[in-house]
Structure formats: C-alpha cells, structure tokens
Amino acid sequence: MPTLYAALDDRVLVVDGERDEWLEHERLVTNDLECVAASSAAPERVFVGTVDEGLQRSTDGGDAWRTVHDPGDRVTAVTVSPHDPDTVWVGTEPSRVYRSTDGGESWEERPGVADLPSAERWSFPPRPDTHHVRWISVHPDDPERLYVAIEAGALVRTDDAGESWIDHPQGGRRDNHTLRTHPEAPDRVYTAAGDGYAESTDGGDSWHYPQDGLEHRYVWGLAVDPADPDAVVVSAASGAYAAHDPDGTSYVYRRTGGGSGSESADDGNADGGGADDTGGVHWEQAMDGLPGPEGLARAVLDAHATGFYALTNQGLYHSDDGWAWELCTLSWPSEYRRQVPSGLAVVG
C-alpha cells in the first residue's frame, strides 16, 4: 500500500493505507510550506521546502525532522531523482538550483540559472522584484538532463546536471507550475502553466498546445498515469485568484485521445508555434466525486500504480482512472478547509 506525504499550508500529513483503511498522522507543523518530495526507492525519507526554515528532511517517515539545507531563501521546489534516491534537486526564490548527491547531507549550487538572457523578464507578482523555481523534473533516461520551471518567465533546461543551462525555448510556456516526464515516453515533457497546458515530444525543444475542451486555462496540478503517458489529469481555474483561494472555484480535467496532440490557435502563448493537428486530444471535466467547483482551491495531483490522487482544501481523493473520485476517509478538521495544499508525494 502507498504512503502519501500531503503538504498543506502549515503542516504535513503522512497518510498510509488504501481504500477504506486510510490512517493519517499530522507531522511537521510549521508555517508556509512550499513543496514536498520523496522516492519509492527510499520511502521513509521525505523532503519539505519552506519559506523561513529552509529544506526540512525526515528519514523516519515523518516522525522527526531537521533542517538539512538553508540557502537563506525560500525553498520553492524539491525533486528526488528517479535514477538515484540520494540525488536531490532544490530550487529557491530568487531562482537558484542546488544539488545533493548524498541524500541531503551536503549541497552545491549549480550556478548560472539567473544569468540566462531571459532572466531580465522574470518576475513573480505580487513580489515584482523576484522570481523562483517552481518545479524541477528529471529526464527518465538521462539523470543529467533536467527541466526547470521558473515562475514566472521561463522553462529552462540543463543537459549536464547544471554545468550549463539552455534558455527558454521558443513556444515554451512562461508561467509554469508543474512539470512531468514519463518513462514510457522519455522525450515527452508535460507542463501545467498559468498561461495554459502544453506538451513537448522532443525533450522541450518545441511545444504543442492541446487545449480542446480545457475551458479553464490557469492550470496548476498535473499527474500522468505511470502505465500510460496519454492518461493525464490536471487541475485548473479561470485565474490565479480562483485557484489559490479556499473560497475560489477550481476544476479537475481528464485528457482523452491518444498521442501528443497540438494546435496552432493558442490564445495564451507569447511565442506562438505549434502544428494544426490536435491528434484527437480532448479534455473533459472529471469532477465526479469531487467537491466544488465552488469553494475548491486548486488541487495538487500525483499518480501511482494504485491510481491518481488529488489533495484539496476539502480532503484527499483517490481515483482508479482519473474520472471518478472517492474521498479517502481521513480526519479533516475545519482549519484544513481554509488552507491551500502545497504539495503531494505518493511513494511505495
């Protein structure tokens, strides 16, 4: 059975079990959590990024925590490499990238990210004089190739583990929130962005924009079935306020159709590009069993061999296929409903 590390605004829930046997434990109660990551290869080691207390790590499944990296900045992204659980990548605000190769005991900055030409236009409202790394994703076949989402302004890449950086590609989204890759389609990159959903099939060099049926274009959460690179679920809203407020209005969509479709008519992409053929890709709302959409903050999503998981301000939900959702029977006090989830990692 899987273990879920569910990060709310100010606490981490460690959830074990499946179906009607869920057990949750409240751990790491602190302020302003930003992200969470763990690996099925080392499921009791979990990392949580915070605003004021650096990167927190537990090696016993969440019972005890300590600060293992404090760069003096907000820790806004953390990823454990799928190739080696001892290799951990961290992103901060302002936008910097760090790497550990010993499970978080020591760290080195991978410099040069903020020296890229596109950095002059990076800006994160409502703090207009800064920007941050929102997500880091590792190529499934190449441990030295990383995709880094900058919020807001760019999607950048390294092919040599951060020795050098490749700037924002033409056609790439600029307000990227969640990135995913897939072992069955290793050169495919998925992004959920504030300026719409996009996919690449050539490792991020060019981008397509399958938007058909996606009525809400501020896209945040993103999960892909580990067994099927075409089974994609996203969370979306009409804009940032609707997505990030507990009293907002958000939706979950499930993709249908095969292949990585694209379309040229893209109303949110500054760089243009894209082919005409959508490849039969279509999005449909997948809200069966979920609360809302009113009063539903944007869901954070993850996928596992046991199905899809959605962490919301109204509870934790599970779906076998991303269409119909079932509430996991956890204790969910009223203060949780006033929080906006910050991360979800499903391991085991």
Protein backbone atom coordinates (compact mmCIF):
# COMPACT_ATOMS: atom_id res chain seq x y z
CA MET A 1 0.00 0.00 0.00
CA PRO A 2 1.28 3.51 -0.76
CA THR A 3 2.39 6.21 1.65
CA LEU A 4 1.32 9.76 0.90
CA TYR A 5 3.08 12.89 2.11
CA ALA A 6 0.45 15.62 1.86
CA ALA A 7 1.64 19.18 2.47
CA LEU A 8 -0.90 21.82 3.41
CA ASP A 9 -0.03 25.44 4.19
CA ASP A 10 1.39 24.77 7.63
CA ARG A 11 1.62 21.03 8.22
CA VAL A 12 2.41 17.71 6.58
CA LEU A 13 0.01 14.78 6.78
CA VAL A 14 1.56 11.34 6.50
CA VAL A 15 -1.14 9.03 5.13
CA ASP A 16 -0.83 5.24 4.94
CA GLY A 17 -3.27 2.73 3.55
CA GLU A 18 -5.70 2.15 0.75
CA ARG A 19 -9.43 2.36 0.12
CA ASP A 20 -11.26 2.23 3.48
CA GLU A 21 -8.16 1.69 5.60
CA TRP A 22 -6.51 5.12 5.49
CA LEU A 23 -4.55 6.24 8.55
CA GLU A 24 -3.16 9.75 8.82
CA HIS A 25 -0.64 11.34 11.17
CA GLU A 26 -0.09 15.08 11.43
CA ARG A 27 3.60 15.92 11.21
CA LEU A 28 5.90 18.94 10.79
CA VAL A 29 3.56 21.70 11.91
CA THR A 30 5.22 24.93 10.77
CA ASN A 31 4.39 27.95 8.65
CA ASP A 32 4.44 28.41 4.89
CA LEU A 33 5.23 25.07 3.32
CA GLU A 34 6.12 25.28 -0.37
CA CYS A 35 6.75 21.77 -1.72
CA VAL A 36 7.31 18.11 -0.82
CA ALA A 37 9.18 15.21 -2.44
CA ALA A 38 10.03 11.58 -1.71
CA SER A 39 11.09 8.47 -3.62
CA SER A 40 9.69 4.96 -3.67
CA ALA A 41 13.32 3.78 -3.55
CA ALA A 42 13.65 5.37 -0.09
CA PRO A 43 10.05 5.90 1.03
CA GLU A 44 10.78 6.91 4.63
CA ARG A 45 13.00 9.82 3.54
CA VAL A 46 10.97 12.89 2.70
CA PHE A 47 11.92 16.49 1.96
CA VAL A 48 9.78 19.59 2.52
CA GLY A 49 10.64 23.09 1.33
CA THR A 50 9.63 26.05 3.48
CA VAL A 51 9.63 29.84 3.37
CA ASP A 52 11.63 30.54 6.54
CA GLU A 53 13.13 27.23 7.72
CA GLY A 54 14.99 26.00 4.65
CA LEU A 55 14.70 22.43 3.45
CA GLN A 56 13.39 20.04 6.09
CA ARG A 57 14.17 16.32 5.94
CA SER A 58 12.80 13.29 7.73
CA THR A 59 14.41 9.86 7.47
CA ASP A 60 11.81 8.01 9.54
CA GLY A 61 8.62 8.58 7.59
CA GLY A 62 7.87 12.00 9.05
CA ASP A 63 8.28 11.41 12.77
CA ALA A 64 11.40 13.57 13.21
CA TRP A 65 12.64 16.46 11.09
CA ARG A 66 15.71 18.64 10.78
CA THR A 67 16.94 21.40 8.51
CA VAL A 68 19.45 19.96 6.03
CA HIS A 69 19.78 22.92 3.67
CA ASP A 70 19.17 26.60 4.38
CA PRO A 71 20.24 28.75 1.43
CA GLY A 72 18.78 31.84 3.06
CA ASP A 73 15.97 31.93 0.51
CA ARG A 74 12.55 30.38 0.15
CA VAL A 75 12.84 26.71 -0.86
CA THR A 76 10.17 26.55 -3.56
CA ALA A 77 10.91 23.26 -5.36
CA VAL A 78 12.39 19.89 -4.42
CA THR A 79 12.77 16.75 -6.52
CA VAL A 80 14.34 13.36 -5.79
CA SER A 81 15.99 11.89 -8.87
CA PRO A 82 14.22 8.79 -10.24
CA HIS A 83 17.67 7.39 -11.06
CA ASP A 84 19.18 7.65 -7.56
CA PRO A 85 17.30 8.50 -4.35
CA ASP A 86 20.47 10.09 -2.94
CA THR A 87 20.43 12.74 -5.67
CA VAL A 88 18.12 15.57 -4.66
CA TRP A 89 17.48 18.82 -6.52
CA VAL A 90 16.27 22.03 -4.88
CA GLY A 91 15.07 25.33 -6.32
CA THR A 92 14.68 28.62 -4.48
CA GLU A 93 13.41 32.17 -4.62
CA PRO A 94 15.24 34.05 -6.12
CA SER A 95 15.80 31.44 -8.81
CA ARG A 96 18.75 29.23 -7.94
CA VAL A 97 19.27 25.48 -8.26
CA TYR A 98 21.14 23.24 -5.77
CA ARG A 99 22.09 19.57 -5.84
CA SER A 100 22.84 16.98 -3.18
CA THR A 101 24.33 13.59 -4.08
CA ASP A 102 24.29 12.17 -0.56
CA GLY A 103 20.62 12.26 0.36
CA GLY A 104 20.66 15.83 1.62
CA GLU A 105 23.74 15.82 3.83
CA SER A 106 25.66 18.30 1.66
CA TRP A 107 24.74 20.71 -1.13
CA GLU A 108 26.27 22.57 -4.02
CA GLU A 109 24.81 25.35 -6.10
CA ARG A 110 24.57 24.72 -9.84
CA PRO A 111 25.23 28.32 -10.93
CA GLY A 112 24.21 30.27 -13.97
CA VAL A 113 20.43 29.96 -13.99
CA ALA A 114 19.77 33.65 -13.33
CA ASP A 115 22.43 34.67 -15.85
CA LEU A 116 20.36 33.46 -18.80
CA PRO A 117 19.22 36.19 -21.22
CA SER A 118 15.53 35.61 -20.49
CA ALA A 119 16.07 36.36 -16.77
CA GLU A 120 15.60 40.08 -17.33
CA ARG A 121 11.88 39.46 -17.85
CA TRP A 122 11.35 37.02 -14.95
CA SER A 123 9.02 38.41 -12.30
CA PHE A 124 6.68 36.94 -9.73
CA PRO A 125 3.69 39.01 -8.69
CA PRO A 126 2.77 40.11 -6.08
CA ARG A 127 6.50 40.34 -5.31
CA PRO A 128 7.56 42.05 -8.57
CA ASP A 129 11.30 42.18 -7.94
CA THR A 130 11.85 38.45 -7.62
CA HIS A 131 11.03 35.07 -9.20
CA HIS A 132 11.50 31.47 -8.18
CA VAL A 133 11.99 27.90 -9.29
CA ARG A 134 8.53 26.31 -9.08
CA TRP A 135 9.33 22.78 -10.30
CA ILE A 136 12.27 20.57 -11.29
CA SER A 137 11.77 17.41 -13.36
CA VAL A 138 14.44 14.87 -14.36
CA HIS A 139 14.56 13.12 -17.73
CA PRO A 140 13.54 9.44 -17.31
CA ASP A 141 16.56 8.09 -19.22
CA ASP A 142 19.21 10.73 -18.58
CA PRO A 143 19.95 11.74 -14.96
CA GLU A 144 21.88 14.82 -16.08
CA ARG A 145 19.02 16.31 -18.11
CA LEU A 146 16.67 18.48 -16.05
CA TYR A 147 13.73 20.72 -16.87
CA VAL A 148 13.32 23.71 -14.54
CA ALA A 149 10.15 25.80 -14.32
CA ILE A 150 10.67 29.46 -13.45
CA GLU A 151 7.64 31.25 -12.04
CA ALA A 152 7.15 33.45 -13.84
CA GLY A 153 9.11 33.82 -17.02
CA ALA A 154 10.67 30.67 -18.45
CA LEU A 155 11.20 26.95 -18.72
CA VAL A 156 14.94 26.25 -18.83
CA ARG A 157 16.96 23.07 -19.25
CA THR A 158 20.32 21.55 -18.49
CA ASP A 159 21.85 18.55 -20.26
CA ASP A 160 24.88 18.27 -17.98
CA ALA A 161 23.47 18.33 -14.43
CA GLY A 162 23.67 22.10 -14.14
CA GLU A 163 27.14 22.72 -15.51
CA SER A 164 25.46 24.82 -18.22
CA TRP A 165 21.92 25.95 -18.95
CA ILE A 166 19.76 26.21 -22.07
CA ASP A 167 17.43 29.19 -22.08
CA HIS A 168 13.69 29.31 -22.60
CA PRO A 169 12.72 27.63 -25.92
CA GLN A 170 10.56 29.33 -28.49
CA GLY A 171 6.95 28.36 -27.84
CA GLY A 172 7.51 27.31 -24.23
CA ARG A 173 5.11 28.39 -21.52
CA ARG A 174 6.25 31.25 -19.29
CA ASP A 175 4.21 30.68 -16.11
CA ASN A 176 5.00 27.02 -15.48
CA HIS A 177 3.69 25.44 -12.27
CA THR A 178 4.08 21.66 -12.56
CA LEU A 179 6.27 19.64 -14.92
CA ARG A 180 6.12 15.91 -15.57
CA THR A 181 8.01 13.35 -17.65
CA HIS A 182 7.19 9.70 -18.34
CA PRO A 183 9.38 6.58 -18.57
CA GLU A 184 7.31 5.13 -21.44
CA ALA A 185 7.70 8.34 -23.46
CA PRO A 186 11.06 9.66 -22.26
CA ASP A 187 11.25 12.69 -24.57
CA ARG A 188 7.78 13.91 -23.68
CA VAL A 189 7.51 16.83 -21.27
CA TYR A 190 4.19 17.98 -19.82
CA THR A 191 3.59 21.37 -18.22
CA ALA A 192 0.68 22.84 -16.30
CA ALA A 193 1.04 26.60 -16.55
CA GLY A 194 -0.81 29.78 -15.77
CA ASP A 195 -0.80 30.53 -19.49
CA GLY A 196 -2.23 27.11 -20.40
CA TYR A 197 -1.32 23.46 -20.76
CA ALA A 198 1.46 22.37 -23.14
CA GLU A 199 3.44 19.29 -24.18
CA SER A 200 6.73 18.62 -25.93
CA THR A 201 7.66 15.37 -27.66
CA ASP A 202 11.29 16.27 -28.35
CA GLY A 203 12.68 16.95 -24.90
CA GLY A 204 11.49 20.53 -24.66
CA ASP A 205 12.80 21.87 -27.97
CA SER A 206 9.35 22.51 -29.42
CA TRP A 207 5.88 22.70 -27.87
CA HIS A 208 2.28 21.86 -28.67
CA TYR A 209 -0.87 23.15 -27.02
CA PRO A 210 -3.75 20.64 -26.85
CA GLN A 211 -6.45 22.85 -25.32
CA ASP A 212 -9.65 21.43 -26.83
CA GLY A 213 -12.23 21.19 -24.06
CA LEU A 214 -10.00 22.81 -21.45
CA GLU A 215 -12.29 25.69 -20.57
CA HIS A 216 -10.15 26.99 -17.69
CA ARG A 217 -6.62 27.89 -18.74
CA TYR A 218 -4.91 28.71 -15.42
CA VAL A 219 -3.53 25.20 -14.97
CA TRP A 220 -1.75 24.16 -11.78
CA GLY A 221 -1.75 20.47 -10.81
CA LEU A 222 -0.67 17.73 -13.21
CA ALA A 223 -0.35 13.94 -12.93
CA VAL A 224 0.26 11.20 -15.51
CA ASP A 225 -0.61 7.53 -15.14
CA PRO A 226 2.72 5.64 -14.69
CA ALA A 227 1.47 2.97 -17.11
CA ASP A 228 0.04 5.26 -19.80
CA PRO A 229 1.67 8.51 -20.98
CA ASP A 230 -1.62 9.61 -22.57
CA ALA A 231 -3.62 9.38 -19.32
CA VAL A 232 -3.24 12.91 -17.94
CA VAL A 233 -5.14 14.74 -15.20
CA VAL A 234 -4.85 18.47 -14.45
CA SER A 235 -6.38 20.98 -12.08
CA ALA A 236 -7.36 24.36 -13.49
CA ALA A 237 -9.20 27.59 -12.77
CA SER A 238 -10.13 30.80 -14.56
CA GLY A 239 -7.26 32.70 -12.95
CA ALA A 240 -4.85 32.92 -10.05
CA TYR A 241 -7.35 34.24 -7.51
CA ALA A 242 -9.85 31.48 -8.21
CA ALA A 243 -7.10 28.86 -7.97
CA HIS A 244 -5.30 29.96 -4.81
CA ASP A 245 -8.19 30.96 -2.54
CA PRO A 246 -10.09 28.49 -0.31
CA ASP A 247 -13.26 30.26 -1.44
CA GLY A 248 -12.24 30.05 -5.09
CA THR A 249 -13.59 27.99 -7.95
CA SER A 250 -11.44 25.22 -9.43
CA TYR A 251 -11.84 22.17 -11.62
CA VAL A 252 -10.17 18.87 -12.45
CA TYR A 253 -9.91 17.72 -16.08
CA ARG A 254 -9.04 14.35 -17.59
CA ARG A 255 -7.49 14.04 -21.02
CA THR A 256 -8.90 11.75 -23.69
CA GLY A 257 -7.44 10.76 -27.03
CA GLY A 258 -4.07 9.28 -27.91
CA GLY A 259 -0.75 10.79 -28.84
CA SER A 260 0.66 14.20 -28.02
CA GLY A 261 -1.71 16.50 -29.85
CA SER A 262 -1.10 20.10 -30.74
CA GLU A 263 -2.90 23.10 -32.10
CA SER A 264 -1.75 26.34 -33.61
CA ALA A 265 -4.53 28.53 -32.27
CA ASP A 266 -3.15 29.23 -28.82
CA ASP A 267 -4.52 32.27 -27.07
CA GLY A 268 -2.04 32.39 -24.21
CA ASN A 269 1.34 31.66 -25.74
CA ALA A 270 3.61 34.61 -26.41
CA ASP A 271 5.99 32.72 -28.65
CA GLY A 272 3.43 31.14 -30.96
CA GLY A 273 4.20 27.92 -32.80
CA GLY A 274 2.53 24.56 -32.88
CA ALA A 275 1.08 22.38 -35.59
CA ASP A 276 -2.54 22.22 -36.74
CA ASP A 277 -3.33 18.58 -35.90
CA THR A 278 -4.72 18.08 -32.39
CA GLY A 279 -4.11 14.32 -32.60
CA GLY A 280 -7.61 13.68 -31.29
CA VAL A 281 -6.70 15.03 -27.84
CA HIS A 282 -9.64 16.41 -25.87
CA TRP A 283 -10.20 17.45 -22.25
CA GLU A 284 -13.30 16.75 -20.19
CA GLN A 285 -14.15 17.82 -16.67
CA ALA A 286 -13.59 14.94 -14.24
CA MET A 287 -15.44 16.17 -11.16
CA ASP A 288 -17.43 13.05 -10.29
CA GLY A 289 -16.98 12.56 -6.54
CA LEU A 290 -15.06 15.80 -6.00
CA PRO A 291 -16.46 18.79 -4.09
CA GLY A 292 -16.99 22.16 -5.70
CA PRO A 293 -16.13 23.62 -8.03
CA GLU A 294 -17.14 26.50 -5.73
CA GLY A 295 -15.08 26.54 -2.55
CA LEU A 296 -12.44 24.26 -4.08
CA ALA A 297 -8.88 25.57 -4.18
CA ARG A 298 -6.71 24.21 -6.98
CA ALA A 299 -5.86 20.57 -6.35
CA VAL A 300 -2.32 19.26 -6.24
CA LEU A 301 -2.07 15.91 -8.02
CA ASP A 302 0.09 12.83 -8.14
CA ALA A 303 -0.16 9.39 -9.72
CA HIS A 304 0.91 5.92 -8.57
CA ALA A 305 0.39 2.33 -9.63
CA THR A 306 -2.68 2.40 -7.38
CA GLY A 307 -4.25 5.33 -9.25
CA PHE A 308 -4.50 9.10 -9.19
CA TYR A 309 -4.57 11.20 -6.02
CA ALA A 310 -5.89 14.75 -5.54
CA LEU A 311 -5.12 16.80 -2.44
CA THR A 312 -7.59 19.66 -1.97
CA ASN A 313 -8.67 22.01 0.79
CA GLN A 314 -11.75 19.79 1.14
CA GLY A 315 -9.92 16.47 1.58
CA LEU A 316 -7.79 13.83 -0.08
CA TYR A 317 -9.30 11.94 -3.02
CA HIS A 318 -8.37 8.80 -4.95
CA SER A 319 -9.33 7.69 -8.46
CA ASP A 320 -8.57 4.46 -10.28
CA ASP A 321 -8.60 6.14 -13.69
CA GLY A 322 -8.81 9.92 -13.19
CA TRP A 323 -12.52 10.11 -13.99
CA ALA A 324 -14.45 9.21 -10.84
CA TRP A 325 -13.05 10.17 -7.43
CA GLU A 326 -13.52 8.72 -3.97
CA LEU A 327 -12.93 10.60 -0.72
CA CYS A 328 -10.27 8.99 1.46
CA THR A 329 -11.72 8.66 4.94
CA LEU A 330 -9.39 10.87 6.97
CA SER A 331 -9.90 13.24 9.85
CA TRP A 332 -10.31 16.63 8.17
CA PRO A 333 -10.85 19.43 10.71
CA SER A 334 -12.34 22.74 9.66
CA GLU A 335 -8.98 24.57 9.69
CA TYR A 336 -7.76 22.34 6.85
CA ARG A 337 -10.54 23.72 4.65
CA ARG A 338 -9.06 27.20 4.98
CA GLN A 339 -5.70 26.07 3.61
CA VAL A 340 -4.44 25.69 0.05
CA PRO A 341 -2.39 22.48 -0.42
CA SER A 342 1.23 22.98 -1.42
CA GLY A 343 2.39 19.51 -2.43
CA LEU A 344 1.71 15.76 -2.62
CA ALA A 345 4.13 12.84 -2.96
CA VAL A 346 2.89 9.24 -3.28
CA VAL A 347 5.50 6.53 -2.75
CA GLY A 348 5.80 2.84 -2.01
